[in-house]
Amino acid sequence: MSDINLPLILLAALLASASPGPATLTIAGTSMTSGRRAGLAVATGVTTGSLTWSISAAFGLGAIMLANAWLFEIIRYAGAAYLGWLAIKSARAAWLGAALKVPPTATRDLKGHYAKGLALHLTNPKAILFFGALYSVGVPPGTPAIGLLSVILAVGALSFTIFHGYALIFSSARMMRTYVRAKRGFEAAFALFFGAAALRILTAKLT
């Protein structure tokens, strides 16, 4: 256990989870448009996806996927397609400029929101690369299962706190009022960000 560089692992996980990206943007957007419960559901889905890749990397699945490029490519194209769909959806909302049809306090199917967050993170190829690098740098070879479990739980708890914190912040009454006043601007920004992320994934070179 003393050989595990837990501070480095948690610092890297903090920077990766808290920095702006498709996951945080989706949590923020859902929280502002559909309310707190919906935002928390998306955050739970993202956290589940993060935990899935963390466990996979800890037990070597990430290395196996990177060694078999076709598996990685499937996830890469699926992730780009999903982000592209989100970009089109946001662009359409910005173009139409329709008023919100759902009251800020209402939510739609929470399972659907959870699935949205889960799909977003499971199809994110950067998550594979991030967790693969995280465990290869911070966890020495031959680490016992109890050591791997401690890292998985620590990173999972950090991800849970950050993602759910975003949902709580962006579902506040002030943030939701801000979204209502500048809905088209928000949706246009979401469209540009999701589109850029999809393009970056498609054009990335795996080395």
Protein backbone atom coordinates (compact mmCIF):
# COMPACT_ATOMS: atom_id res chain seq x y z
CA MET A 1 0.00 0.00 0.00
CA SER A 2 2.86 2.38 0.74
CA ASP A 3 4.00 2.10 -2.89
CA ILE A 4 0.70 3.41 -4.23
CA ASN A 5 0.98 7.08 -5.12
CA LEU A 6 -2.56 7.92 -3.96
CA PRO A 7 -2.04 11.73 -3.78
CA LEU A 8 -0.88 11.76 -7.42
CA ILE A 9 -3.80 9.57 -8.46
CA LEU A 10 -6.35 11.76 -6.69
CA LEU A 11 -4.83 14.97 -8.03
CA ALA A 12 -4.98 13.64 -11.60
CA ALA A 13 -8.54 12.42 -11.07
CA LEU A 14 -9.54 15.81 -9.64
CA LEU A 15 -8.14 17.69 -12.62
CA ALA A 16 -9.75 15.29 -15.10
CA SER A 17 -13.17 15.23 -13.42
CA ALA A 18 -13.48 18.93 -12.55
CA SER A 19 -12.21 20.33 -15.87
CA PRO A 20 -14.82 21.26 -18.48
CA GLY A 21 -15.71 18.39 -20.79
CA PRO A 22 -18.68 16.58 -22.34
CA ALA A 23 -19.64 14.99 -19.01
CA THR A 24 -19.61 18.19 -16.95
CA LEU A 25 -21.31 20.12 -19.74
CA THR A 26 -24.09 17.54 -20.00
CA ILE A 27 -24.61 17.52 -16.24
CA ALA A 28 -24.77 21.32 -16.19
CA GLY A 29 -27.14 21.53 -19.16
CA THR A 30 -29.49 18.86 -17.84
CA SER A 31 -29.52 20.40 -14.37
CA MET A 32 -30.47 23.83 -15.74
CA THR A 33 -33.13 22.58 -18.16
CA SER A 34 -34.72 19.66 -16.31
CA GLY A 35 -34.00 20.28 -12.64
CA ARG A 36 -31.96 18.86 -9.81
CA ARG A 37 -33.20 15.27 -9.85
CA ALA A 38 -32.48 14.96 -13.56
CA GLY A 39 -29.02 16.47 -13.15
CA LEU A 40 -28.22 14.11 -10.29
CA ALA A 41 -29.40 11.17 -12.40
CA VAL A 42 -27.03 12.16 -15.23
CA ALA A 43 -24.23 12.64 -12.69
CA THR A 44 -24.89 9.16 -11.31
CA GLY A 45 -24.69 7.71 -14.81
CA VAL A 46 -21.41 9.50 -15.47
CA THR A 47 -20.04 8.32 -12.13
CA THR A 48 -21.04 4.74 -12.95
CA GLY A 49 -19.24 4.97 -16.29
CA SER A 50 -16.17 6.41 -14.58
CA LEU A 51 -16.23 3.60 -12.01
CA THR A 52 -16.58 1.02 -14.79
CA TRP A 53 -13.47 2.25 -16.60
CA SER A 54 -11.60 2.60 -13.31
CA ILE A 55 -12.25 -1.04 -12.39
CA SER A 56 -11.43 -2.17 -15.91
CA ALA A 57 -8.12 -0.32 -15.93
CA ALA A 58 -7.22 -1.54 -12.44
CA PHE A 59 -7.57 -5.16 -13.53
CA GLY A 60 -5.93 -4.77 -16.93
CA LEU A 61 -8.88 -4.47 -19.30
CA GLY A 62 -7.76 -1.03 -20.45
CA ALA A 63 -4.39 -2.42 -21.54
CA ILE A 64 -6.13 -5.26 -23.38
CA MET A 65 -8.34 -2.82 -25.26
CA LEU A 66 -5.42 -0.60 -26.22
CA ALA A 67 -3.54 -3.67 -27.45
CA ASN A 68 -6.50 -4.53 -29.67
CA ALA A 69 -6.97 -1.36 -31.67
CA TRP A 70 -10.27 -2.43 -33.23
CA LEU A 71 -11.98 -2.49 -29.82
CA PHE A 72 -10.74 0.99 -29.08
CA GLU A 73 -11.83 2.20 -32.51
CA ILE A 74 -15.38 0.93 -31.99
CA ILE A 75 -15.68 2.92 -28.77
CA ARG A 76 -14.02 5.93 -30.39
CA TYR A 77 -16.48 6.10 -33.27
CA ALA A 78 -19.45 5.38 -31.00
CA GLY A 79 -18.38 8.22 -28.72
CA ALA A 80 -17.91 10.63 -31.61
CA ALA A 81 -21.32 9.71 -33.02
CA TYR A 82 -23.02 10.24 -29.65
CA LEU A 83 -21.37 13.63 -29.17
CA GLY A 84 -22.32 14.55 -32.73
CA TRP A 85 -25.94 13.70 -31.98
CA LEU A 86 -25.83 15.90 -28.86
CA ALA A 87 -24.34 18.71 -30.96
CA ILE A 88 -27.14 18.46 -33.53
CA LYS A 89 -29.77 18.39 -30.80
CA SER A 90 -28.34 21.51 -29.14
CA ALA A 91 -27.93 23.29 -32.48
CA ARG A 92 -31.57 22.59 -33.33
CA ALA A 93 -32.69 23.97 -29.97
CA ALA A 94 -30.60 27.10 -30.49
CA TRP A 95 -31.93 27.58 -34.02
CA LEU A 96 -35.59 27.17 -33.11
CA GLY A 97 -35.24 29.20 -29.94
CA ALA A 98 -38.41 27.70 -28.48
CA ALA A 99 -39.29 28.41 -24.89
CA LEU A 100 -38.88 25.67 -22.34
CA LYS A 101 -41.89 23.36 -22.33
CA VAL A 102 -40.94 21.63 -19.08
CA PRO A 103 -41.13 23.63 -15.83
CA PRO A 104 -37.75 23.92 -14.05
CA THR A 105 -39.00 21.79 -11.15
CA ALA A 106 -40.20 18.92 -13.34
CA THR A 107 -38.16 15.95 -14.53
CA ARG A 108 -38.62 13.37 -17.22
CA ASP A 109 -37.73 9.70 -16.88
CA LEU A 110 -34.81 9.53 -14.46
CA LYS A 111 -33.70 6.21 -15.96
CA GLY A 112 -33.32 7.97 -19.30
CA HIS A 113 -31.17 10.67 -17.73
CA TYR A 114 -29.05 8.03 -15.98
CA ALA A 115 -28.61 6.14 -19.26
CA LYS A 116 -27.58 9.38 -20.96
CA GLY A 117 -24.79 9.98 -18.47
CA LEU A 118 -23.68 6.35 -18.56
CA ALA A 119 -23.59 6.22 -22.36
CA LEU A 120 -21.67 9.48 -22.48
CA HIS A 121 -18.86 8.16 -20.29
CA LEU A 122 -18.76 4.58 -21.56
CA THR A 123 -18.26 5.85 -25.11
CA ASN A 124 -15.58 8.34 -24.13
CA PRO A 125 -12.23 7.01 -25.40
CA LYS A 126 -10.39 9.56 -23.29
CA ALA A 127 -11.67 7.77 -20.20
CA ILE A 128 -9.89 4.59 -21.31
CA LEU A 129 -6.66 6.47 -21.90
CA PHE A 130 -6.96 8.45 -18.68
CA PHE A 131 -7.59 5.50 -16.37
CA GLY A 132 -5.02 3.36 -18.18
CA ALA A 133 -2.37 6.03 -17.59
CA LEU A 134 -3.61 6.67 -14.06
CA TYR A 135 -3.10 3.10 -12.89
CA SER A 136 0.11 2.55 -14.81
CA VAL A 137 1.75 5.63 -13.25
CA GLY A 138 0.28 5.62 -9.75
CA VAL A 139 -0.09 1.91 -9.04
CA PRO A 140 2.99 -0.35 -9.19
CA PRO A 141 2.81 -3.81 -10.83
CA GLY A 142 1.86 -6.61 -8.48
CA THR A 143 -0.30 -4.42 -6.24
CA PRO A 144 -2.63 -6.71 -4.22
CA ALA A 145 -6.38 -6.61 -4.75
CA ILE A 146 -6.96 -4.68 -1.51
CA GLY A 147 -4.66 -1.93 -2.78
CA LEU A 148 -6.48 -1.75 -6.11
CA LEU A 149 -9.81 -1.66 -4.29
CA SER A 150 -8.66 1.28 -2.14
CA VAL A 151 -7.70 3.25 -5.24
CA ILE A 152 -10.96 2.41 -7.01
CA LEU A 153 -13.01 3.53 -4.02
CA ALA A 154 -11.00 6.73 -3.52
CA VAL A 155 -11.26 7.76 -7.18
CA GLY A 156 -14.93 6.77 -7.25
CA ALA A 157 -15.73 8.86 -4.18
CA LEU A 158 -13.93 11.86 -5.70
CA SER A 159 -15.77 11.50 -9.01
CA PHE A 160 -19.11 11.15 -7.20
CA THR A 161 -18.48 14.33 -5.22
CA ILE A 162 -17.43 16.40 -8.22
CA PHE A 163 -20.10 15.28 -10.69
CA HIS A 164 -22.95 15.48 -8.20
CA GLY A 165 -21.62 18.82 -6.98
CA TYR A 166 -21.95 20.15 -10.54
CA ALA A 167 -25.56 18.95 -10.61
CA LEU A 168 -26.37 20.71 -7.34
CA ILE A 169 -24.70 23.97 -8.40
CA PHE A 170 -26.26 24.20 -11.86
CA SER A 171 -29.74 23.21 -10.67
CA SER A 172 -29.89 26.21 -8.35
CA ALA A 173 -32.70 28.68 -8.96
CA ARG A 174 -30.25 31.39 -10.05
CA MET A 175 -28.56 29.19 -12.66
CA MET A 176 -31.89 28.00 -14.04
CA ARG A 177 -33.14 31.58 -14.37
CA THR A 178 -29.92 32.48 -16.16
CA TYR A 179 -30.44 29.62 -18.58
CA VAL A 180 -34.02 30.66 -19.30
CA ARG A 181 -32.89 34.22 -20.11
CA ALA A 182 -30.07 33.09 -22.41
CA LYS A 183 -31.35 29.73 -23.65
CA ARG A 184 -30.31 30.14 -27.29
CA GLY A 185 -26.81 31.25 -26.32
CA PHE A 186 -26.38 28.29 -24.01
CA GLU A 187 -27.61 25.81 -26.60
CA ALA A 188 -25.36 27.31 -29.28
CA ALA A 189 -22.37 26.99 -26.96
CA PHE A 190 -23.32 23.38 -26.16
CA ALA A 191 -23.59 22.62 -29.89
CA LEU A 192 -20.16 24.08 -30.62
CA PHE A 193 -18.54 22.27 -27.71
CA PHE A 194 -20.09 18.88 -28.45
CA GLY A 195 -19.29 19.23 -32.15
CA ALA A 196 -15.68 20.17 -31.43
CA ALA A 197 -15.32 17.25 -29.03
CA ALA A 198 -16.71 14.81 -31.60
CA LEU A 199 -14.34 16.13 -34.27
CA ARG A 200 -11.37 15.93 -31.91
CA ILE A 201 -12.15 12.31 -31.07
CA LEU A 202 -12.50 11.39 -34.75
CA THR A 203 -9.20 13.03 -35.71
CA ALA A 204 -7.18 11.88 -32.69
CA LYS A 205 -4.21 9.66 -33.33
CA LEU A 206 -3.65 6.75 -30.95
CA THR A 207 0.07 6.37 -30.33
